[in-house]
Amino acid sequence: MSSDPFIACAAETRIPHDAIRDRAYDLWDRHHRPDGYELKFWFMVERELKAERRAA
């Protein structure tokens, strides 16, 4: 384990791409599949999942 707190924090909050993909797709689909918002939903879900993991 690294003594650098930034590296340790980054490793603890790494979320598998398939978890982000599945949830982002669901969110995009529930918002009627708007064109051009794929990355917006991806990054939103990534932040949500990291926050949920830190809170757990």
N, C-alpha and C. Protein backbone atom coordinates (compact mmCIF):
# COMPACT_ATOMS: atom_id res chain seq x y z
N MET A 1 0.84 -1.18 0.00
CA MET A 1 0.00 0.00 0.00
C MET A 1 0.88 1.23 0.00
N SER A 2 0.52 2.21 -0.79
CA SER A 2 1.30 3.44 -0.91
C SER A 2 1.09 4.33 0.29
N SER A 3 2.13 5.08 0.66
CA SER A 3 2.00 6.04 1.75
C SER A 3 1.42 7.36 1.26
N ASP A 4 1.24 7.52 -0.03
CA ASP A 4 0.65 8.73 -0.60
C ASP A 4 -0.87 8.65 -0.45
N PRO A 5 -1.49 9.56 0.34
CA PRO A 5 -2.94 9.49 0.57
C PRO A 5 -3.75 9.69 -0.70
N PHE A 6 -3.26 10.46 -1.67
CA PHE A 6 -4.00 10.66 -2.91
C PHE A 6 -4.11 9.35 -3.68
N ILE A 7 -3.01 8.62 -3.77
CA ILE A 7 -3.02 7.35 -4.50
C ILE A 7 -3.91 6.35 -3.77
N ALA A 8 -3.85 6.30 -2.46
CA ALA A 8 -4.69 5.38 -1.69
C ALA A 8 -6.16 5.72 -1.90
N CYS A 9 -6.51 7.00 -1.88
CA CYS A 9 -7.90 7.43 -2.07
C CYS A 9 -8.38 7.08 -3.47
N ALA A 10 -7.56 7.30 -4.48
CA ALA A 10 -7.93 6.99 -5.86
C ALA A 10 -8.18 5.50 -6.03
N ALA A 11 -7.35 4.67 -5.41
CA ALA A 11 -7.53 3.22 -5.52
C ALA A 11 -8.79 2.77 -4.81
N GLU A 12 -9.13 3.38 -3.70
CA GLU A 12 -10.32 2.98 -2.95
C GLU A 12 -11.61 3.34 -3.67
N THR A 13 -11.59 4.37 -4.51
CA THR A 13 -12.81 4.81 -5.17
C THR A 13 -12.89 4.37 -6.63
N ARG A 14 -12.03 3.48 -7.06
CA ARG A 14 -12.07 2.99 -8.44
C ARG A 14 -13.33 2.15 -8.63
N ILE A 15 -14.12 2.50 -9.62
CA ILE A 15 -15.39 1.82 -9.88
C ILE A 15 -15.25 1.04 -11.19
N PRO A 16 -15.69 -0.21 -11.22
CA PRO A 16 -15.63 -1.00 -12.46
C PRO A 16 -16.44 -0.33 -13.58
N HIS A 17 -15.89 -0.34 -14.79
CA HIS A 17 -16.56 0.29 -15.93
C HIS A 17 -17.93 -0.31 -16.20
N ASP A 18 -18.08 -1.62 -15.99
CA ASP A 18 -19.39 -2.21 -16.27
C ASP A 18 -20.45 -1.70 -15.31
N ALA A 19 -20.09 -1.39 -14.07
CA ALA A 19 -21.06 -0.83 -13.12
C ALA A 19 -21.48 0.57 -13.55
N ILE A 20 -20.51 1.36 -14.00
CA ILE A 20 -20.82 2.71 -14.48
C ILE A 20 -21.68 2.62 -15.74
N ARG A 21 -21.25 1.76 -16.67
CA ARG A 21 -21.96 1.62 -17.95
C ARG A 21 -23.42 1.23 -17.75
N ASP A 22 -23.66 0.24 -16.91
CA ASP A 22 -25.03 -0.24 -16.72
C ASP A 22 -25.92 0.84 -16.11
N ARG A 23 -25.41 1.51 -15.09
CA ARG A 23 -26.22 2.53 -14.42
C ARG A 23 -26.38 3.77 -15.31
N ALA A 24 -25.33 4.15 -16.03
CA ALA A 24 -25.43 5.31 -16.93
C ALA A 24 -26.42 5.03 -18.06
N TYR A 25 -26.38 3.83 -18.59
CA TYR A 25 -27.33 3.47 -19.64
C TYR A 25 -28.76 3.55 -19.12
N ASP A 26 -28.99 3.02 -17.93
CA ASP A 26 -30.32 3.06 -17.34
C ASP A 26 -30.80 4.50 -17.16
N LEU A 27 -29.92 5.35 -16.66
CA LEU A 27 -30.27 6.76 -16.45
C LEU A 27 -30.55 7.45 -17.79
N TRP A 28 -29.69 7.22 -18.78
CA TRP A 28 -29.87 7.79 -20.12
C TRP A 28 -31.19 7.31 -20.72
N ASP A 29 -31.49 6.04 -20.57
CA ASP A 29 -32.73 5.47 -21.09
C ASP A 29 -33.95 6.08 -20.41
N ARG A 30 -33.90 6.24 -19.08
CA ARG A 30 -35.03 6.82 -18.35
C ARG A 30 -35.26 8.29 -18.70
N HIS A 31 -34.22 8.93 -19.25
CA HIS A 31 -34.37 10.33 -19.68
C HIS A 31 -34.66 10.41 -21.18
N HIS A 32 -35.20 9.33 -21.74
CA HIS A 32 -35.64 9.25 -23.13
C HIS A 32 -34.51 9.35 -24.16
N ARG A 33 -33.33 8.86 -23.78
CA ARG A 33 -32.18 8.70 -24.67
C ARG A 33 -31.80 9.98 -25.43
N PRO A 34 -31.51 11.04 -24.72
CA PRO A 34 -31.14 12.29 -25.43
C PRO A 34 -29.80 12.17 -26.14
N ASP A 35 -29.75 12.65 -27.37
CA ASP A 35 -28.50 12.64 -28.14
C ASP A 35 -27.47 13.56 -27.51
N GLY A 36 -26.23 13.10 -27.49
CA GLY A 36 -25.13 13.92 -27.03
C GLY A 36 -24.95 13.98 -25.52
N TYR A 37 -25.69 13.19 -24.75
CA TYR A 37 -25.59 13.24 -23.30
C TYR A 37 -24.94 12.00 -22.69
N GLU A 38 -24.39 11.15 -23.53
CA GLU A 38 -23.82 9.91 -23.04
C GLU A 38 -22.72 10.15 -22.02
N LEU A 39 -21.79 11.04 -22.32
CA LEU A 39 -20.69 11.31 -21.39
C LEU A 39 -21.17 12.03 -20.14
N LYS A 40 -22.16 12.89 -20.28
CA LYS A 40 -22.71 13.58 -19.11
C LYS A 40 -23.25 12.55 -18.11
N PHE A 41 -24.01 11.58 -18.60
CA PHE A 41 -24.55 10.55 -17.72
C PHE A 41 -23.44 9.67 -17.16
N TRP A 42 -22.44 9.35 -17.99
CA TRP A 42 -21.32 8.52 -17.54
C TRP A 42 -20.63 9.17 -16.34
N PHE A 43 -20.24 10.45 -16.49
CA PHE A 43 -19.51 11.13 -15.42
C PHE A 43 -20.38 11.37 -14.19
N MET A 44 -21.67 11.62 -14.40
CA MET A 44 -22.58 11.80 -13.28
C MET A 44 -22.68 10.51 -12.45
N VAL A 45 -22.84 9.40 -13.14
CA VAL A 45 -22.94 8.11 -12.46
C VAL A 45 -21.62 7.75 -11.78
N GLU A 46 -20.50 8.03 -12.43
CA GLU A 46 -19.21 7.74 -11.82
C GLU A 46 -19.06 8.49 -10.50
N ARG A 47 -19.43 9.78 -10.49
CA ARG A 47 -19.36 10.57 -9.25
C ARG A 47 -20.30 10.00 -8.18
N GLU A 48 -21.52 9.63 -8.59
CA GLU A 48 -22.49 9.07 -7.64
C GLU A 48 -21.98 7.77 -7.02
N LEU A 49 -21.46 6.88 -7.84
CA LEU A 49 -20.98 5.59 -7.34
C LEU A 49 -19.78 5.77 -6.41
N LYS A 50 -18.88 6.70 -6.74
CA LYS A 50 -17.74 6.96 -5.86
C LYS A 50 -18.22 7.53 -4.53
N ALA A 51 -19.18 8.43 -4.56
CA ALA A 51 -19.71 9.01 -3.33
C ALA A 51 -20.40 7.94 -2.49
N GLU A 52 -21.16 7.05 -3.13
CA GLU A 52 -21.82 5.97 -2.41
C GLU A 52 -20.80 5.04 -1.77
N ARG A 53 -19.74 4.75 -2.48
CA ARG A 53 -18.70 3.85 -1.96
C ARG A 53 -18.00 4.49 -0.76
N ARG A 54 -17.71 5.80 -0.84
CA ARG A 54 -17.06 6.48 0.28
C ARG A 54 -17.98 6.53 1.49
N ALA A 55 -19.28 6.69 1.27
CA ALA A 55 -20.24 6.81 2.38
C ALA A 55 -20.48 5.45 3.06
N ALA A 56 -20.25 4.37 2.33
CA ALA A 56 -20.51 3.03 2.89
C ALA A 56 -19.46 2.60 3.88
